[in-house]
Amino acid sequence: MWIINDEPKVYSSEEVRYMIEALPHKVFFISGPTKSGKTPLIKSLQVQDKLIISSETFVEVIIEMCQNKENTTIDGLMSAFDSYKLLCIEDSDINLGGRDVTQELISDFLKEYLEKGTAVFTGINLDKWLVTLIKLLDEDKRLIFKSVE
């Protein structure tokens, strides 16, 4: 069971899945403790051209793009991910938490990426660990799902 943006209504995983599939061009943060169903939820999404990667791999791609002097980092990230309609980054709290500069870079990337696709971040206490990223995204472009089990 999930709540959205701290509202009192509770949603099932099926309802959350439907919302993610039906609301393109947004960023979804799926936050909950270990074994709360985050990974099965994103794996159940019925979206073609879906990529599920760890935050560690995502950070490695960011570093690679930062080192590439031919493109800007944002252009490099777009070329790496723009063929996917849905980009899911798991365990975001581990490798992105507390890294404000990285979160600012991701925010810049997402502003361009959302014109074409949808992004999902999973992790524990994302509203605590990804404060900068959440603040930089317009409220109408993001939803925060929290486990209430």
N, C-alpha and C. Protein backbone atom coordinates (compact mmCIF):
# COMPACT_ATOMS: atom_id res chain seq x y z
N MET A 1 0.85 -1.18 0.00
CA MET A 1 0.00 0.00 0.00
C MET A 1 0.89 1.24 0.00
N TRP A 2 0.38 2.29 -0.64
CA TRP A 2 1.19 3.49 -0.87
C TRP A 2 0.37 4.75 -0.63
N ILE A 3 1.04 5.80 -0.18
CA ILE A 3 0.43 7.13 -0.13
C ILE A 3 1.19 8.00 -1.13
N ILE A 4 0.54 9.06 -1.57
CA ILE A 4 1.15 9.97 -2.55
C ILE A 4 1.28 11.35 -1.93
N ASN A 5 2.49 11.89 -2.00
CA ASN A 5 2.76 13.26 -1.52
C ASN A 5 2.17 13.52 -0.13
N ASP A 6 2.26 12.54 0.76
CA ASP A 6 1.79 12.66 2.15
C ASP A 6 0.30 12.90 2.28
N GLU A 7 -0.49 12.62 1.26
CA GLU A 7 -1.94 12.74 1.35
C GLU A 7 -2.48 11.52 2.09
N PRO A 8 -3.65 11.65 2.73
CA PRO A 8 -4.15 10.54 3.56
C PRO A 8 -4.68 9.33 2.79
N LYS A 9 -5.04 9.47 1.53
CA LYS A 9 -5.59 8.33 0.79
C LYS A 9 -4.51 7.29 0.53
N VAL A 10 -4.87 6.00 0.65
CA VAL A 10 -3.94 4.89 0.45
C VAL A 10 -4.26 4.23 -0.90
N TYR A 11 -3.21 3.90 -1.65
CA TYR A 11 -3.34 3.29 -2.97
C TYR A 11 -2.69 1.92 -2.99
N SER A 12 -3.25 1.02 -3.78
CA SER A 12 -2.65 -0.30 -3.96
C SER A 12 -1.49 -0.19 -4.95
N SER A 13 -0.66 -1.22 -5.00
CA SER A 13 0.44 -1.25 -5.97
C SER A 13 -0.10 -1.20 -7.40
N GLU A 14 -1.24 -1.85 -7.63
CA GLU A 14 -1.87 -1.83 -8.96
C GLU A 14 -2.28 -0.41 -9.35
N GLU A 15 -2.82 0.34 -8.41
CA GLU A 15 -3.21 1.73 -8.69
C GLU A 15 -1.99 2.60 -8.96
N VAL A 16 -0.92 2.38 -8.21
CA VAL A 16 0.31 3.14 -8.43
C VAL A 16 0.89 2.80 -9.79
N ARG A 17 0.90 1.52 -10.14
CA ARG A 17 1.40 1.10 -11.45
C ARG A 17 0.61 1.80 -12.55
N TYR A 18 -0.70 1.81 -12.42
CA TYR A 18 -1.54 2.45 -13.43
C TYR A 18 -1.20 3.94 -13.55
N MET A 19 -1.02 4.62 -12.41
CA MET A 19 -0.70 6.06 -12.45
C MET A 19 0.61 6.31 -13.19
N ILE A 20 1.61 5.50 -12.90
CA ILE A 20 2.91 5.69 -13.55
C ILE A 20 2.78 5.47 -15.05
N GLU A 21 2.04 4.46 -15.44
CA GLU A 21 1.85 4.18 -16.87
C GLU A 21 1.00 5.24 -17.56
N ALA A 22 0.04 5.81 -16.83
CA ALA A 22 -0.91 6.75 -17.43
C ALA A 22 -0.46 8.21 -17.38
N LEU A 23 0.56 8.52 -16.61
CA LEU A 23 1.01 9.90 -16.47
C LEU A 23 2.44 10.05 -16.99
N PRO A 24 2.61 10.15 -18.30
CA PRO A 24 3.96 10.27 -18.85
C PRO A 24 4.58 11.64 -18.54
N HIS A 25 5.87 11.71 -18.74
CA HIS A 25 6.61 12.97 -18.62
C HIS A 25 6.63 13.50 -17.19
N LYS A 26 6.74 12.60 -16.25
CA LYS A 26 6.85 12.97 -14.85
C LYS A 26 8.00 12.19 -14.21
N VAL A 27 8.37 12.61 -13.00
CA VAL A 27 9.35 11.89 -12.20
C VAL A 27 8.59 11.32 -11.00
N PHE A 28 8.74 10.02 -10.79
CA PHE A 28 8.11 9.34 -9.67
C PHE A 28 9.19 8.89 -8.70
N PHE A 29 9.00 9.19 -7.43
CA PHE A 29 9.89 8.73 -6.38
C PHE A 29 9.12 7.68 -5.59
N ILE A 30 9.65 6.45 -5.56
CA ILE A 30 9.00 5.35 -4.86
C ILE A 30 9.87 5.02 -3.66
N SER A 31 9.37 5.37 -2.49
CA SER A 31 10.16 5.29 -1.27
C SER A 31 9.53 4.31 -0.28
N GLY A 32 10.37 3.45 0.26
CA GLY A 32 9.88 2.50 1.25
C GLY A 32 11.02 1.66 1.77
N PRO A 33 10.79 0.99 2.88
CA PRO A 33 11.84 0.15 3.46
C PRO A 33 12.13 -1.07 2.58
N THR A 34 13.21 -1.75 2.88
CA THR A 34 13.54 -2.99 2.19
C THR A 34 12.36 -3.95 2.27
N LYS A 35 12.10 -4.64 1.17
CA LYS A 35 11.02 -5.63 1.06
C LYS A 35 9.62 -5.00 1.07
N SER A 36 9.51 -3.71 0.73
CA SER A 36 8.18 -3.08 0.69
C SER A 36 7.53 -3.18 -0.68
N GLY A 37 8.23 -3.75 -1.67
CA GLY A 37 7.62 -3.96 -2.97
C GLY A 37 8.01 -2.97 -4.05
N LYS A 38 9.06 -2.20 -3.83
CA LYS A 38 9.48 -1.19 -4.82
C LYS A 38 9.92 -1.84 -6.12
N THR A 39 10.82 -2.80 -6.05
CA THR A 39 11.33 -3.44 -7.27
C THR A 39 10.25 -4.22 -8.01
N PRO A 40 9.44 -5.04 -7.34
CA PRO A 40 8.35 -5.70 -8.08
C PRO A 40 7.40 -4.70 -8.75
N LEU A 41 7.18 -3.56 -8.10
CA LEU A 41 6.31 -2.55 -8.68
C LEU A 41 6.87 -2.03 -10.01
N ILE A 42 8.16 -1.65 -10.03
CA ILE A 42 8.70 -1.12 -11.28
C ILE A 42 8.86 -2.20 -12.34
N LYS A 43 9.13 -3.42 -11.91
CA LYS A 43 9.22 -4.51 -12.89
C LYS A 43 7.87 -4.83 -13.51
N SER A 44 6.79 -4.53 -12.81
CA SER A 44 5.45 -4.81 -13.33
C SER A 44 4.95 -3.76 -14.31
N LEU A 45 5.65 -2.66 -14.45
CA LEU A 45 5.20 -1.60 -15.35
C LEU A 45 5.16 -2.10 -16.79
N GLN A 46 4.03 -1.88 -17.43
CA GLN A 46 3.81 -2.35 -18.80
C GLN A 46 4.17 -1.23 -19.78
N VAL A 47 5.45 -0.93 -19.87
CA VAL A 47 5.93 0.14 -20.75
C VAL A 47 7.01 -0.45 -21.65
N GLN A 48 6.85 -0.23 -22.95
CA GLN A 48 7.92 -0.66 -23.86
C GLN A 48 9.08 0.30 -23.70
N ASP A 49 10.25 -0.16 -24.05
CA ASP A 49 11.47 0.66 -23.97
C ASP A 49 11.71 1.15 -22.55
N LYS A 50 11.74 0.20 -21.61
CA LYS A 50 11.96 0.48 -20.19
C LYS A 50 13.38 0.05 -19.84
N LEU A 51 14.08 0.87 -19.07
CA LEU A 51 15.40 0.53 -18.58
C LEU A 51 15.40 0.64 -17.06
N ILE A 52 15.79 -0.45 -16.39
CA ILE A 52 15.92 -0.46 -14.93
C ILE A 52 17.41 -0.62 -14.64
N ILE A 53 18.00 0.38 -13.98
CA ILE A 53 19.42 0.32 -13.64
C ILE A 53 19.63 0.71 -12.19
N SER A 54 20.76 0.32 -11.64
CA SER A 54 21.10 0.71 -10.28
C SER A 54 21.59 2.15 -10.28
N SER A 55 21.48 2.80 -9.15
CA SER A 55 21.99 4.17 -9.06
C SER A 55 23.51 4.18 -9.23
N GLU A 56 24.16 3.09 -8.85
CA GLU A 56 25.61 2.99 -9.03
C GLU A 56 25.96 3.06 -10.52
N THR A 57 25.25 2.31 -11.35
CA THR A 57 25.48 2.35 -12.79
C THR A 57 25.16 3.72 -13.35
N PHE A 58 24.08 4.33 -12.88
CA PHE A 58 23.70 5.66 -13.34
C PHE A 58 24.80 6.68 -13.03
N VAL A 59 25.35 6.61 -11.83
CA VAL A 59 26.43 7.53 -11.45
C VAL A 59 27.67 7.28 -12.31
N GLU A 60 27.96 6.01 -12.61
CA GLU A 60 29.10 5.71 -13.50
C GLU A 60 28.91 6.34 -14.88
N VAL A 61 27.69 6.32 -15.39
CA VAL A 61 27.41 6.95 -16.68
C VAL A 61 27.59 8.46 -16.57
N ILE A 62 27.14 9.06 -15.48
CA ILE A 62 27.32 10.51 -15.27
C ILE A 62 28.80 10.85 -15.26
N ILE A 63 29.60 10.08 -14.53
CA ILE A 63 31.04 10.33 -14.46
C ILE A 63 31.67 10.22 -15.84
N GLU A 64 31.29 9.19 -16.58
CA GLU A 64 31.81 9.01 -17.93
C GLU A 64 31.46 10.21 -18.82
N MET A 65 30.24 10.69 -18.70
CA MET A 65 29.82 11.83 -19.52
C MET A 65 30.53 13.11 -19.09
N CYS A 66 30.81 13.26 -17.80
CA CYS A 66 31.54 14.44 -17.32
C CYS A 66 32.97 14.45 -17.85
N GLN A 67 33.54 13.26 -18.03
CA GLN A 67 34.92 13.16 -18.51
C GLN A 67 35.02 13.31 -20.03
N ASN A 68 33.90 13.13 -20.73
CA ASN A 68 33.88 13.25 -22.18
C ASN A 68 33.81 14.72 -22.55
N LYS A 69 34.85 15.24 -23.14
CA LYS A 69 34.92 16.66 -23.46
C LYS A 69 34.20 17.01 -24.77
N GLU A 70 33.76 16.02 -25.54
CA GLU A 70 33.11 16.29 -26.82
C GLU A 70 31.68 16.81 -26.64
N ASN A 71 30.98 16.35 -25.64
CA ASN A 71 29.60 16.76 -25.39
C ASN A 71 29.49 17.41 -24.03
N THR A 72 28.40 18.14 -23.82
CA THR A 72 28.10 18.53 -22.45
C THR A 72 27.60 17.28 -21.74
N THR A 73 27.62 17.31 -20.44
CA THR A 73 27.17 16.15 -19.68
C THR A 73 25.70 15.86 -19.96
N ILE A 74 24.88 16.90 -20.07
CA ILE A 74 23.45 16.70 -20.34
C ILE A 74 23.26 16.07 -21.71
N ASP A 75 23.97 16.55 -22.73
CA ASP A 75 23.87 15.95 -24.07
C ASP A 75 24.29 14.49 -24.04
N GLY A 76 25.35 14.19 -23.30
CA GLY A 76 25.81 12.81 -23.18
C GLY A 76 24.79 11.92 -22.51
N LEU A 77 24.16 12.41 -21.44
CA LEU A 77 23.13 11.64 -20.75
C LEU A 77 21.92 11.44 -21.65
N MET A 78 21.55 12.47 -22.39
CA MET A 78 20.42 12.32 -23.31
C MET A 78 20.73 11.26 -24.37
N SER A 79 21.93 11.27 -24.90
CA SER A 79 22.26 10.27 -25.92
C SER A 79 22.29 8.86 -25.32
N ALA A 80 22.63 8.76 -24.06
CA ALA A 80 22.68 7.44 -23.40
C ALA A 80 21.29 6.91 -23.08
N PHE A 81 20.32 7.80 -22.79
CA PHE A 81 19.04 7.35 -22.26
C PHE A 81 17.81 7.78 -23.06
N ASP A 82 17.95 8.58 -24.09
CA ASP A 82 16.76 9.11 -24.74
C ASP A 82 15.97 8.09 -25.56
N SER A 83 16.52 6.92 -25.78
CA SER A 83 15.76 5.90 -26.52
C SER A 83 14.79 5.15 -25.60
N TYR A 84 14.84 5.42 -24.31
CA TYR A 84 13.95 4.75 -23.35
C TYR A 84 12.79 5.66 -22.97
N LYS A 85 11.59 5.11 -22.98
CA LYS A 85 10.42 5.87 -22.56
C LYS A 85 10.31 5.91 -21.05
N LEU A 86 10.92 4.92 -20.39
CA LEU A 86 10.87 4.85 -18.94
C LEU A 86 12.25 4.50 -18.41
N LEU A 87 12.79 5.37 -17.58
CA LEU A 87 14.10 5.17 -16.96
C LEU A 87 13.89 4.98 -15.47
N CYS A 88 14.21 3.79 -14.95
CA CYS A 88 14.04 3.46 -13.53
C CYS A 88 15.42 3.34 -12.88
N ILE A 89 15.65 4.13 -11.85
CA ILE A 89 16.94 4.13 -11.15
C ILE A 89 16.69 3.64 -9.74
N GLU A 90 17.22 2.44 -9.45
CA GLU A 90 16.98 1.80 -8.16
C GLU A 90 18.01 2.21 -7.11
N ASP A 91 17.60 2.12 -5.86
CA ASP A 91 18.46 2.41 -4.70
C ASP A 91 19.10 3.79 -4.81
N SER A 92 18.30 4.77 -5.17
CA SER A 92 18.80 6.13 -5.39
C SER A 92 19.37 6.75 -4.12
N ASP A 93 18.87 6.34 -2.97
CA ASP A 93 19.36 6.89 -1.72
C ASP A 93 20.82 6.54 -1.48
N ILE A 94 21.28 5.41 -2.00
CA ILE A 94 22.64 4.93 -1.71
C ILE A 94 23.70 5.76 -2.43
N ASN A 95 23.54 5.96 -3.74
CA ASN A 95 24.58 6.62 -4.51
C ASN A 95 24.29 8.07 -4.86
N LEU A 96 23.08 8.54 -4.62
CA LEU A 96 22.75 9.92 -4.94
C LEU A 96 22.46 10.75 -3.70
N GLY A 97 22.14 10.09 -2.59
CA GLY A 97 21.78 10.78 -1.36
C GLY A 97 22.86 11.71 -0.85
N GLY A 98 22.48 12.95 -0.57
CA GLY A 98 23.41 13.91 -0.01
C GLY A 98 24.39 14.52 -0.99
N ARG A 99 24.32 14.15 -2.23
CA ARG A 99 25.23 14.69 -3.26
C ARG A 99 24.49 15.77 -4.05
N ASP A 100 24.50 16.99 -3.51
CA ASP A 100 23.71 18.07 -4.08
C ASP A 100 24.10 18.41 -5.51
N VAL A 101 25.39 18.47 -5.80
CA VAL A 101 25.83 18.82 -7.15
C VAL A 101 25.36 17.76 -8.15
N THR A 102 25.46 16.50 -7.78
CA THR A 102 24.99 15.43 -8.66
C THR A 102 23.48 15.53 -8.85
N GLN A 103 22.75 15.82 -7.78
CA GLN A 103 21.30 15.95 -7.89
C GLN A 103 20.92 17.15 -8.77
N GLU A 104 21.68 18.23 -8.72
CA GLU A 104 21.43 19.38 -9.59
C GLU A 104 21.64 18.99 -11.05
N LEU A 105 22.69 18.25 -11.32
CA LEU A 105 22.97 17.78 -12.68
C LEU A 105 21.83 16.87 -13.17
N ILE A 106 21.38 15.96 -12.31
CA ILE A 106 20.29 15.07 -12.67
C ILE A 106 19.02 15.87 -12.94
N SER A 107 18.77 16.90 -12.14
CA SER A 107 17.61 17.75 -12.36
C SER A 107 17.66 18.40 -13.74
N ASP A 108 18.81 18.91 -14.12
CA ASP A 108 18.96 19.51 -15.46
C ASP A 108 18.71 18.48 -16.55
N PHE A 109 19.24 17.28 -16.36
CA PHE A 109 19.00 16.20 -17.33
C PHE A 109 17.52 15.86 -17.40
N LEU A 110 16.86 15.74 -16.25
CA LEU A 110 15.45 15.34 -16.23
C LEU A 110 14.55 16.37 -16.90
N LYS A 111 14.89 17.64 -16.76
CA LYS A 111 14.07 18.68 -17.40
C LYS A 111 14.02 18.47 -18.90
N GLU A 112 15.10 18.02 -19.49
CA GLU A 112 15.12 17.74 -20.92
C GLU A 112 14.53 16.35 -21.21
N TYR A 113 14.91 15.37 -20.40
CA TYR A 113 14.45 13.99 -20.62
C TYR A 113 12.93 13.86 -20.54
N LEU A 114 12.30 14.62 -19.64
CA LEU A 114 10.86 14.49 -19.44
C LEU A 114 10.04 14.93 -20.65
N GLU A 115 10.67 15.62 -21.59
CA GLU A 115 9.96 15.96 -22.83
C GLU A 115 9.69 14.69 -23.63
N LYS A 116 10.49 13.66 -23.42
CA LYS A 116 10.38 12.41 -24.18
C LYS A 116 9.94 11.23 -23.33
N GLY A 117 10.29 11.21 -22.05
CA GLY A 117 10.08 10.02 -21.26
C GLY A 117 9.66 10.29 -19.83
N THR A 118 9.68 9.23 -19.04
CA THR A 118 9.28 9.24 -17.64
C THR A 118 10.43 8.64 -16.83
N ALA A 119 10.64 9.14 -15.62
CA ALA A 119 11.70 8.63 -14.76
C ALA A 119 11.12 8.16 -13.43
N VAL A 120 11.71 7.08 -12.89
CA VAL A 120 11.32 6.55 -11.60
C VAL A 120 12.58 6.35 -10.77
N PHE A 121 12.56 6.85 -9.54
CA PHE A 121 13.66 6.63 -8.59
C PHE A 121 13.10 5.82 -7.44
N THR A 122 13.82 4.77 -7.02
CA THR A 122 13.39 4.00 -5.86
C THR A 122 14.46 4.12 -4.77
N GLY A 123 14.04 3.89 -3.54
CA GLY A 123 14.99 3.92 -2.43
C GLY A 123 14.28 4.04 -1.10
N ILE A 124 15.08 4.21 -0.07
CA ILE A 124 14.59 4.34 1.30
C ILE A 124 14.67 5.81 1.69
N ASN A 125 13.57 6.37 2.19
CA ASN A 125 13.53 7.77 2.64
C ASN A 125 14.01 8.75 1.57
N LEU A 126 13.49 8.63 0.37
CA LEU A 126 13.94 9.49 -0.72
C LEU A 126 13.68 10.96 -0.45
N ASP A 127 12.59 11.28 0.26
CA ASP A 127 12.32 12.68 0.56
C ASP A 127 13.37 13.26 1.50
N LYS A 128 14.12 12.42 2.18
CA LYS A 128 15.23 12.87 3.04
C LYS A 128 16.54 12.93 2.24
N TRP A 129 16.80 11.89 1.43
CA TRP A 129 18.09 11.78 0.76
C TRP A 129 18.19 12.56 -0.55
N LEU A 130 17.06 12.79 -1.20
CA LEU A 130 17.09 13.48 -2.49
C LEU A 130 16.41 14.85 -2.42
N VAL A 131 16.62 15.54 -1.31
CA VAL A 131 15.97 16.83 -1.07
C VAL A 131 16.24 17.82 -2.21
N THR A 132 17.49 17.95 -2.62
CA THR A 132 17.84 18.91 -3.66
C THR A 132 17.13 18.58 -4.96
N LEU A 133 17.17 17.33 -5.38
CA LEU A 133 16.54 16.93 -6.63
C LEU A 133 15.03 17.19 -6.59
N ILE A 134 14.39 16.82 -5.50
CA ILE A 134 12.94 17.01 -5.37
C ILE A 134 12.60 18.48 -5.42
N LYS A 135 13.36 19.33 -4.74
CA LYS A 135 13.10 20.77 -4.73
C LYS A 135 13.28 21.40 -6.11
N LEU A 136 14.22 20.89 -6.88
CA LEU A 136 14.51 21.49 -8.18
C LEU A 136 13.48 21.13 -9.26
N LEU A 137 12.70 20.10 -9.02
CA LEU A 137 11.69 19.69 -9.99
C LEU A 137 10.36 20.39 -9.68
N ASP A 138 9.71 20.90 -10.70
CA ASP A 138 8.41 21.54 -10.51
C ASP A 138 7.44 20.54 -9.89
N GLU A 139 6.57 21.04 -9.01
CA GLU A 139 5.62 20.16 -8.33
C GLU A 139 4.73 19.40 -9.29
N ASP A 140 4.38 20.00 -10.42
CA ASP A 140 3.51 19.31 -11.37
C ASP A 140 4.25 18.25 -12.17
N LYS A 141 5.57 18.14 -11.99
CA LYS A 141 6.37 17.15 -12.71
C LYS A 141 6.78 15.97 -11.84
N ARG A 142 6.37 15.96 -10.55
CA ARG A 142 6.83 14.88 -9.68
C ARG A 142 5.73 14.39 -8.75
N LEU A 143 5.81 13.11 -8.43
CA LEU A 143 4.95 12.49 -7.42
C LEU A 143 5.84 11.62 -6.53
N ILE A 144 5.56 11.67 -5.23
CA ILE A 144 6.33 10.88 -4.27
C ILE A 144 5.40 9.83 -3.66
N PHE A 145 5.71 8.56 -3.92
CA PHE A 145 4.96 7.44 -3.36
C PHE A 145 5.74 6.90 -2.16
N LYS A 146 5.06 6.73 -1.03
CA LYS A 146 5.70 6.17 0.16
C LYS A 146 4.94 4.92 0.59
N SER A 147 5.70 3.91 0.96
CA SER A 147 5.12 2.68 1.46
C SER A 147 4.50 2.93 2.83
N VAL A 148 3.32 2.34 3.05
CA VAL A 148 2.65 2.48 4.35
C VAL A 148 2.37 1.12 4.97
N GLU A 149 3.13 0.13 4.60
CA GLU A 149 2.89 -1.23 5.10
C GLU A 149 3.47 -1.40 6.47
